[in-house]
Amino acid sequence: MQTILRIIERAGGWNPGLFIKIENAPYMALVLEAIEAGPSGLPTISVTHYGEQNGDLMRDPEMCFELRDGELDPWYYRNDYVGVEQWSRNNVRGQYIQLANLHAQHQRFAKVWDNSLSCQGFAEAYEQQLTQPA
């Protein structure tokens, strides 16, 4: 998720109050938001495309990543349009759990998604938002 890392870096780095919404027509808005620590206790970010259906915000998709050694490591995936919610890594009652095959799927999807975000110009759209007068 190099595109997301670029945006986070340009925003001044991860911090507990981080919230970025990037409008980049014709694509769905992209939201980056710091959330509670992930399953390993590391800083975590939610990355979500939001659409709307019948007045409700819909995640298409949302992925959560822990920031680990300068990389984003996925642990959660959700897509409201198809009713899918998955944890590939989690901490359940103090026990760390990793589903290796699902985690590998999340990593592969994140690579594909990152390529799409890059090709769609989300990092550039964020730069443009920063330079526009308020």
N, C-alpha and C. Protein backbone atom coordinates (compact mmCIF):
# COMPACT_ATOMS: atom_id res chain seq x y z
N MET A 1 0.82 -1.19 0.00
CA MET A 1 0.00 0.00 0.00
C MET A 1 0.87 1.26 0.00
N GLN A 2 1.75 1.33 -0.98
CA GLN A 2 2.66 2.46 -1.08
C GLN A 2 1.92 3.77 -1.31
N THR A 3 0.81 3.74 -2.02
CA THR A 3 0.03 4.96 -2.26
C THR A 3 -0.48 5.51 -0.94
N ILE A 4 -1.02 4.63 -0.09
CA ILE A 4 -1.54 5.06 1.22
C ILE A 4 -0.40 5.56 2.10
N LEU A 5 0.73 4.87 2.08
CA LEU A 5 1.89 5.32 2.87
C LEU A 5 2.35 6.71 2.42
N ARG A 6 2.33 6.96 1.11
CA ARG A 6 2.69 8.29 0.59
C ARG A 6 1.76 9.36 1.12
N ILE A 7 0.46 9.06 1.12
CA ILE A 7 -0.53 10.03 1.59
C ILE A 7 -0.33 10.28 3.09
N ILE A 8 -0.14 9.22 3.87
CA ILE A 8 0.07 9.36 5.32
C ILE A 8 1.32 10.19 5.59
N GLU A 9 2.37 9.92 4.86
CA GLU A 9 3.61 10.69 5.04
C GLU A 9 3.38 12.16 4.73
N ARG A 10 2.67 12.44 3.64
CA ARG A 10 2.40 13.84 3.25
C ARG A 10 1.52 14.55 4.28
N ALA A 11 0.70 13.75 5.00
CA ALA A 11 -0.18 14.30 6.03
C ALA A 11 0.56 14.53 7.35
N GLY A 12 1.85 14.20 7.39
CA GLY A 12 2.63 14.41 8.60
C GLY A 12 2.86 13.14 9.40
N GLY A 13 2.47 12.01 8.85
CA GLY A 13 2.67 10.73 9.52
C GLY A 13 1.45 10.31 10.31
N TRP A 14 1.49 9.04 10.73
CA TRP A 14 0.37 8.50 11.50
C TRP A 14 0.30 9.19 12.84
N ASN A 15 -0.90 9.52 13.27
CA ASN A 15 -1.15 10.02 14.62
C ASN A 15 -2.56 9.61 15.00
N PRO A 16 -2.88 9.55 16.30
CA PRO A 16 -4.19 9.04 16.72
C PRO A 16 -5.39 9.81 16.18
N GLY A 17 -5.21 11.06 15.77
CA GLY A 17 -6.32 11.85 15.25
C GLY A 17 -6.36 11.91 13.73
N LEU A 18 -5.55 11.11 13.06
CA LEU A 18 -5.47 11.17 11.61
C LEU A 18 -6.82 10.86 10.96
N PHE A 19 -7.28 11.76 10.11
CA PHE A 19 -8.50 11.57 9.32
C PHE A 19 -8.31 12.32 8.02
N ILE A 20 -8.39 11.60 6.92
CA ILE A 20 -8.22 12.20 5.60
C ILE A 20 -9.35 11.69 4.70
N LYS A 21 -10.04 12.60 4.05
CA LYS A 21 -11.04 12.22 3.05
C LYS A 21 -10.59 12.81 1.72
N ILE A 22 -10.48 11.94 0.73
CA ILE A 22 -10.01 12.38 -0.59
C ILE A 22 -11.14 12.20 -1.59
N GLU A 23 -11.58 13.30 -2.15
CA GLU A 23 -12.57 13.29 -3.23
C GLU A 23 -11.78 13.26 -4.54
N ASN A 24 -12.11 12.32 -5.40
CA ASN A 24 -11.36 12.15 -6.64
C ASN A 24 -12.32 11.61 -7.71
N ALA A 25 -13.21 12.49 -8.19
CA ALA A 25 -14.20 12.07 -9.19
C ALA A 25 -13.50 11.50 -10.41
N PRO A 26 -14.05 10.49 -11.01
CA PRO A 26 -15.36 9.90 -10.82
C PRO A 26 -15.38 8.74 -9.80
N TYR A 27 -14.31 8.58 -9.06
CA TYR A 27 -14.20 7.44 -8.14
C TYR A 27 -14.88 7.75 -6.80
N MET A 28 -15.18 6.69 -6.05
CA MET A 28 -15.75 6.87 -4.72
C MET A 28 -14.73 7.55 -3.82
N ALA A 29 -15.22 8.34 -2.87
CA ALA A 29 -14.34 8.99 -1.90
C ALA A 29 -13.51 7.94 -1.18
N LEU A 30 -12.29 8.31 -0.83
CA LEU A 30 -11.39 7.44 -0.08
C LEU A 30 -11.13 8.09 1.27
N VAL A 31 -11.31 7.31 2.34
CA VAL A 31 -11.13 7.83 3.69
C VAL A 31 -10.05 7.02 4.39
N LEU A 32 -9.09 7.72 4.97
CA LEU A 32 -8.05 7.12 5.81
C LEU A 32 -8.29 7.63 7.22
N GLU A 33 -8.33 6.72 8.17
CA GLU A 33 -8.63 7.11 9.54
C GLU A 33 -7.85 6.25 10.52
N ALA A 34 -7.16 6.91 11.46
CA ALA A 34 -6.49 6.18 12.53
C ALA A 34 -7.56 5.59 13.43
N ILE A 35 -7.37 4.33 13.81
CA ILE A 35 -8.32 3.66 14.71
C ILE A 35 -7.54 3.00 15.83
N GLU A 36 -8.27 2.34 16.73
CA GLU A 36 -7.62 1.66 17.85
C GLU A 36 -6.52 0.75 17.35
N ALA A 37 -5.63 0.38 18.26
CA ALA A 37 -4.53 -0.50 17.91
C ALA A 37 -5.05 -1.80 17.32
N GLY A 38 -4.28 -2.36 16.41
CA GLY A 38 -4.64 -3.62 15.77
C GLY A 38 -4.33 -4.82 16.66
N PRO A 39 -4.42 -6.01 16.10
CA PRO A 39 -4.27 -7.23 16.88
C PRO A 39 -2.90 -7.41 17.52
N SER A 40 -1.89 -6.75 16.96
CA SER A 40 -0.55 -6.82 17.55
C SER A 40 -0.26 -5.63 18.44
N GLY A 41 -1.24 -4.74 18.60
CA GLY A 41 -1.06 -3.56 19.43
C GLY A 41 -0.35 -2.41 18.73
N LEU A 42 -0.18 -2.51 17.42
CA LEU A 42 0.52 -1.47 16.65
C LEU A 42 -0.45 -0.41 16.14
N PRO A 43 0.08 0.77 15.78
CA PRO A 43 -0.77 1.80 15.20
C PRO A 43 -1.52 1.24 13.99
N THR A 44 -2.79 1.61 13.88
CA THR A 44 -3.66 1.02 12.86
C THR A 44 -4.38 2.10 12.08
N ILE A 45 -4.60 1.81 10.81
CA ILE A 45 -5.33 2.72 9.94
C ILE A 45 -6.40 1.96 9.18
N SER A 46 -7.56 2.58 9.08
CA SER A 46 -8.65 2.07 8.25
C SER A 46 -8.58 2.81 6.92
N VAL A 47 -8.68 2.06 5.83
CA VAL A 47 -8.69 2.64 4.49
C VAL A 47 -9.99 2.18 3.85
N THR A 48 -10.82 3.15 3.44
CA THR A 48 -12.17 2.81 2.99
C THR A 48 -12.60 3.64 1.79
N HIS A 49 -13.18 2.96 0.81
CA HIS A 49 -13.94 3.64 -0.22
C HIS A 49 -15.38 3.64 0.27
N TYR A 50 -16.00 4.80 0.26
CA TYR A 50 -17.40 4.89 0.67
C TYR A 50 -18.28 5.19 -0.53
N GLY A 51 -19.32 4.40 -0.65
CA GLY A 51 -20.39 4.67 -1.59
C GLY A 51 -21.65 4.89 -0.78
N GLU A 52 -22.78 5.02 -1.47
CA GLU A 52 -24.04 5.23 -0.76
C GLU A 52 -25.12 4.38 -1.42
N GLN A 53 -25.95 3.78 -0.57
CA GLN A 53 -27.08 2.99 -1.05
C GLN A 53 -28.27 3.25 -0.15
N ASN A 54 -29.35 3.70 -0.71
CA ASN A 54 -30.56 4.02 0.05
C ASN A 54 -30.26 4.95 1.23
N GLY A 55 -29.36 5.89 1.03
CA GLY A 55 -29.03 6.85 2.07
C GLY A 55 -28.01 6.37 3.08
N ASP A 56 -27.57 5.11 2.98
CA ASP A 56 -26.59 4.57 3.93
C ASP A 56 -25.20 4.57 3.31
N LEU A 57 -24.19 4.92 4.13
CA LEU A 57 -22.82 4.80 3.67
C LEU A 57 -22.46 3.32 3.60
N MET A 58 -21.79 2.95 2.50
CA MET A 58 -21.42 1.56 2.26
C MET A 58 -19.91 1.49 2.01
N ARG A 59 -19.26 0.57 2.69
CA ARG A 59 -17.82 0.37 2.50
C ARG A 59 -17.60 -0.56 1.32
N ASP A 60 -16.75 -0.12 0.40
CA ASP A 60 -16.52 -0.89 -0.82
C ASP A 60 -15.08 -0.74 -1.30
N PRO A 61 -14.11 -1.30 -0.68
CA PRO A 61 -14.14 -2.02 0.59
C PRO A 61 -13.61 -1.15 1.71
N GLU A 62 -13.51 -1.75 2.88
CA GLU A 62 -12.71 -1.21 3.99
C GLU A 62 -11.66 -2.26 4.31
N MET A 63 -10.43 -1.81 4.50
CA MET A 63 -9.38 -2.68 5.01
C MET A 63 -8.70 -1.95 6.17
N CYS A 64 -8.33 -2.72 7.19
CA CYS A 64 -7.57 -2.16 8.30
C CYS A 64 -6.16 -2.75 8.25
N PHE A 65 -5.20 -1.89 8.53
CA PHE A 65 -3.79 -2.25 8.46
C PHE A 65 -3.08 -1.80 9.72
N GLU A 66 -2.14 -2.61 10.19
CA GLU A 66 -1.22 -2.17 11.22
C GLU A 66 0.01 -1.61 10.53
N LEU A 67 0.55 -0.53 11.09
CA LEU A 67 1.78 0.06 10.59
C LEU A 67 2.93 -0.68 11.26
N ARG A 68 3.65 -1.48 10.48
CA ARG A 68 4.72 -2.35 11.00
C ARG A 68 5.99 -2.13 10.17
N ASP A 69 7.01 -1.58 10.81
CA ASP A 69 8.31 -1.39 10.14
C ASP A 69 8.19 -0.65 8.80
N GLY A 70 7.38 0.40 8.79
CA GLY A 70 7.23 1.22 7.59
C GLY A 70 6.35 0.61 6.52
N GLU A 71 5.69 -0.48 6.81
CA GLU A 71 4.78 -1.14 5.87
C GLU A 71 3.40 -1.25 6.49
N LEU A 72 2.40 -1.45 5.65
CA LEU A 72 1.03 -1.66 6.13
C LEU A 72 0.70 -3.14 6.04
N ASP A 73 0.36 -3.73 7.17
CA ASP A 73 0.07 -5.16 7.26
C ASP A 73 -1.43 -5.35 7.50
N PRO A 74 -2.16 -5.93 6.52
CA PRO A 74 -3.62 -6.04 6.65
C PRO A 74 -4.04 -7.05 7.70
N TRP A 75 -5.23 -6.77 8.28
CA TRP A 75 -5.80 -7.73 9.22
C TRP A 75 -7.32 -7.79 9.16
N TYR A 76 -7.96 -6.89 8.39
CA TYR A 76 -9.42 -6.83 8.35
C TYR A 76 -9.86 -6.40 6.96
N TYR A 77 -10.95 -7.01 6.50
CA TYR A 77 -11.55 -6.67 5.20
C TYR A 77 -13.06 -6.67 5.35
N ARG A 78 -13.70 -5.68 4.73
CA ARG A 78 -15.17 -5.62 4.75
C ARG A 78 -15.65 -5.00 3.45
N ASN A 79 -16.72 -5.58 2.90
CA ASN A 79 -17.40 -4.99 1.75
C ASN A 79 -18.89 -5.10 2.00
N ASP A 80 -19.53 -3.97 2.26
CA ASP A 80 -20.94 -3.95 2.60
C ASP A 80 -21.85 -4.34 1.44
N TYR A 81 -21.44 -4.08 0.21
CA TYR A 81 -22.29 -4.39 -0.93
C TYR A 81 -22.49 -5.90 -1.11
N VAL A 82 -21.50 -6.68 -0.69
CA VAL A 82 -21.61 -8.14 -0.85
C VAL A 82 -21.73 -8.87 0.49
N GLY A 83 -21.77 -8.10 1.58
CA GLY A 83 -21.98 -8.69 2.89
C GLY A 83 -20.82 -9.54 3.39
N VAL A 84 -19.60 -9.10 3.14
CA VAL A 84 -18.41 -9.84 3.57
C VAL A 84 -17.67 -9.06 4.65
N GLU A 85 -17.31 -9.75 5.72
CA GLU A 85 -16.49 -9.18 6.79
C GLU A 85 -15.52 -10.27 7.24
N GLN A 86 -14.21 -9.98 7.18
CA GLN A 86 -13.20 -10.99 7.48
C GLN A 86 -12.08 -10.42 8.35
N TRP A 87 -11.63 -11.22 9.30
CA TRP A 87 -10.44 -10.92 10.09
C TRP A 87 -9.41 -11.99 9.77
N SER A 88 -8.26 -11.59 9.24
CA SER A 88 -7.20 -12.56 8.98
C SER A 88 -6.22 -12.64 10.14
N ARG A 89 -6.23 -11.61 10.97
CA ARG A 89 -5.44 -11.59 12.21
C ARG A 89 -6.33 -10.93 13.25
N ASN A 90 -6.30 -11.45 14.47
CA ASN A 90 -7.13 -10.88 15.51
C ASN A 90 -6.57 -11.26 16.87
N ASN A 91 -7.07 -10.59 17.88
CA ASN A 91 -6.71 -10.90 19.26
C ASN A 91 -8.02 -11.20 19.97
N VAL A 92 -8.23 -12.47 20.30
CA VAL A 92 -9.48 -12.91 20.91
C VAL A 92 -9.20 -13.37 22.33
N ARG A 93 -9.76 -12.63 23.29
CA ARG A 93 -9.56 -12.93 24.72
C ARG A 93 -8.08 -13.11 25.05
N GLY A 94 -7.27 -12.20 24.53
CA GLY A 94 -5.85 -12.22 24.84
C GLY A 94 -5.02 -13.19 24.02
N GLN A 95 -5.65 -13.92 23.12
CA GLN A 95 -4.95 -14.91 22.29
C GLN A 95 -4.82 -14.36 20.86
N TYR A 96 -3.58 -14.20 20.38
CA TYR A 96 -3.34 -13.74 19.01
C TYR A 96 -3.63 -14.89 18.05
N ILE A 97 -4.42 -14.59 17.02
CA ILE A 97 -4.81 -15.59 16.03
C ILE A 97 -4.49 -15.03 14.65
N GLN A 98 -3.86 -15.87 13.81
CA GLN A 98 -3.65 -15.49 12.41
C GLN A 98 -4.11 -16.65 11.53
N LEU A 99 -4.95 -16.32 10.57
CA LEU A 99 -5.39 -17.28 9.56
C LEU A 99 -4.50 -17.05 8.34
N ALA A 100 -3.47 -17.87 8.20
CA ALA A 100 -2.40 -17.62 7.23
C ALA A 100 -2.91 -17.49 5.79
N ASN A 101 -3.80 -18.38 5.37
CA ASN A 101 -4.30 -18.32 3.99
C ASN A 101 -5.11 -17.06 3.74
N LEU A 102 -5.97 -16.71 4.69
CA LEU A 102 -6.77 -15.51 4.55
C LEU A 102 -5.89 -14.26 4.60
N HIS A 103 -4.88 -14.27 5.47
CA HIS A 103 -3.95 -13.14 5.53
C HIS A 103 -3.23 -12.96 4.20
N ALA A 104 -2.82 -14.05 3.58
CA ALA A 104 -2.17 -13.97 2.27
C ALA A 104 -3.14 -13.40 1.23
N GLN A 105 -4.42 -13.78 1.30
CA GLN A 105 -5.42 -13.21 0.39
C GLN A 105 -5.56 -11.71 0.61
N HIS A 106 -5.59 -11.31 1.86
CA HIS A 106 -5.69 -9.87 2.17
C HIS A 106 -4.47 -9.13 1.64
N GLN A 107 -3.30 -9.71 1.78
CA GLN A 107 -2.09 -9.07 1.26
C GLN A 107 -2.15 -8.93 -0.26
N ARG A 108 -2.60 -9.97 -0.95
CA ARG A 108 -2.71 -9.91 -2.41
C ARG A 108 -3.73 -8.86 -2.84
N PHE A 109 -4.90 -8.85 -2.17
CA PHE A 109 -5.91 -7.86 -2.52
C PHE A 109 -5.37 -6.44 -2.28
N ALA A 110 -4.67 -6.23 -1.18
CA ALA A 110 -4.12 -4.91 -0.87
C ALA A 110 -3.17 -4.44 -1.97
N LYS A 111 -2.38 -5.35 -2.53
CA LYS A 111 -1.47 -4.99 -3.63
C LYS A 111 -2.25 -4.55 -4.86
N VAL A 112 -3.29 -5.30 -5.20
CA VAL A 112 -4.12 -4.95 -6.36
C VAL A 112 -4.81 -3.61 -6.12
N TRP A 113 -5.37 -3.43 -4.92
CA TRP A 113 -6.06 -2.19 -4.59
C TRP A 113 -5.09 -1.01 -4.64
N ASP A 114 -3.89 -1.21 -4.10
CA ASP A 114 -2.89 -0.15 -4.12
C ASP A 114 -2.57 0.27 -5.56
N ASN A 115 -2.44 -0.70 -6.44
CA ASN A 115 -2.17 -0.38 -7.84
C ASN A 115 -3.31 0.44 -8.42
N SER A 116 -4.56 0.06 -8.09
CA SER A 116 -5.71 0.82 -8.58
C SER A 116 -5.71 2.25 -8.03
N LEU A 117 -5.45 2.40 -6.73
CA LEU A 117 -5.42 3.74 -6.13
C LEU A 117 -4.35 4.60 -6.78
N SER A 118 -3.21 3.99 -7.08
CA SER A 118 -2.14 4.72 -7.74
C SER A 118 -2.55 5.14 -9.15
N CYS A 119 -3.08 4.20 -9.93
CA CYS A 119 -3.50 4.50 -11.31
C CYS A 119 -4.63 5.53 -11.34
N GLN A 120 -5.48 5.52 -10.32
CA GLN A 120 -6.60 6.46 -10.25
C GLN A 120 -6.18 7.83 -9.73
N GLY A 121 -4.93 7.96 -9.29
CA GLY A 121 -4.40 9.27 -8.92
C GLY A 121 -4.81 9.79 -7.54
N PHE A 122 -5.04 8.89 -6.57
CA PHE A 122 -5.47 9.36 -5.25
C PHE A 122 -4.38 10.15 -4.52
N ALA A 123 -3.13 9.78 -4.67
CA ALA A 123 -2.06 10.55 -4.01
C ALA A 123 -2.01 11.97 -4.59
N GLU A 124 -2.14 12.06 -5.89
CA GLU A 124 -2.13 13.38 -6.55
C GLU A 124 -3.37 14.19 -6.17
N ALA A 125 -4.50 13.52 -6.06
CA ALA A 125 -5.73 14.22 -5.65
C ALA A 125 -5.58 14.77 -4.24
N TYR A 126 -4.91 14.02 -3.37
CA TYR A 126 -4.68 14.52 -2.01
C TYR A 126 -3.74 15.73 -2.05
N GLU A 127 -2.70 15.67 -2.83
CA GLU A 127 -1.79 16.82 -2.98
C GLU A 127 -2.56 18.04 -3.46
N GLN A 128 -3.44 17.83 -4.40
CA GLN A 128 -4.24 18.94 -4.94
C GLN A 128 -5.14 19.53 -3.87
N GLN A 129 -5.76 18.68 -3.04
CA GLN A 129 -6.60 19.15 -1.93
C GLN A 129 -5.79 20.01 -0.97
N LEU A 130 -4.53 19.64 -0.74
CA LEU A 130 -3.69 20.40 0.20
C LEU A 130 -3.37 21.79 -0.31
N THR A 131 -3.30 21.94 -1.63
CA THR A 131 -2.90 23.23 -2.19
C THR A 131 -4.08 24.14 -2.53
N GLN A 132 -5.31 23.59 -2.44
CA GLN A 132 -6.49 24.42 -2.73
C GLN A 132 -6.79 25.31 -1.55
N PRO A 133 -7.15 26.56 -1.80
CA PRO A 133 -7.53 27.44 -0.70
C PRO A 133 -8.80 26.94 -0.01
N ALA A 134 -8.85 27.13 1.28
CA ALA A 134 -10.01 26.67 2.07
C ALA A 134 -11.23 27.52 1.83
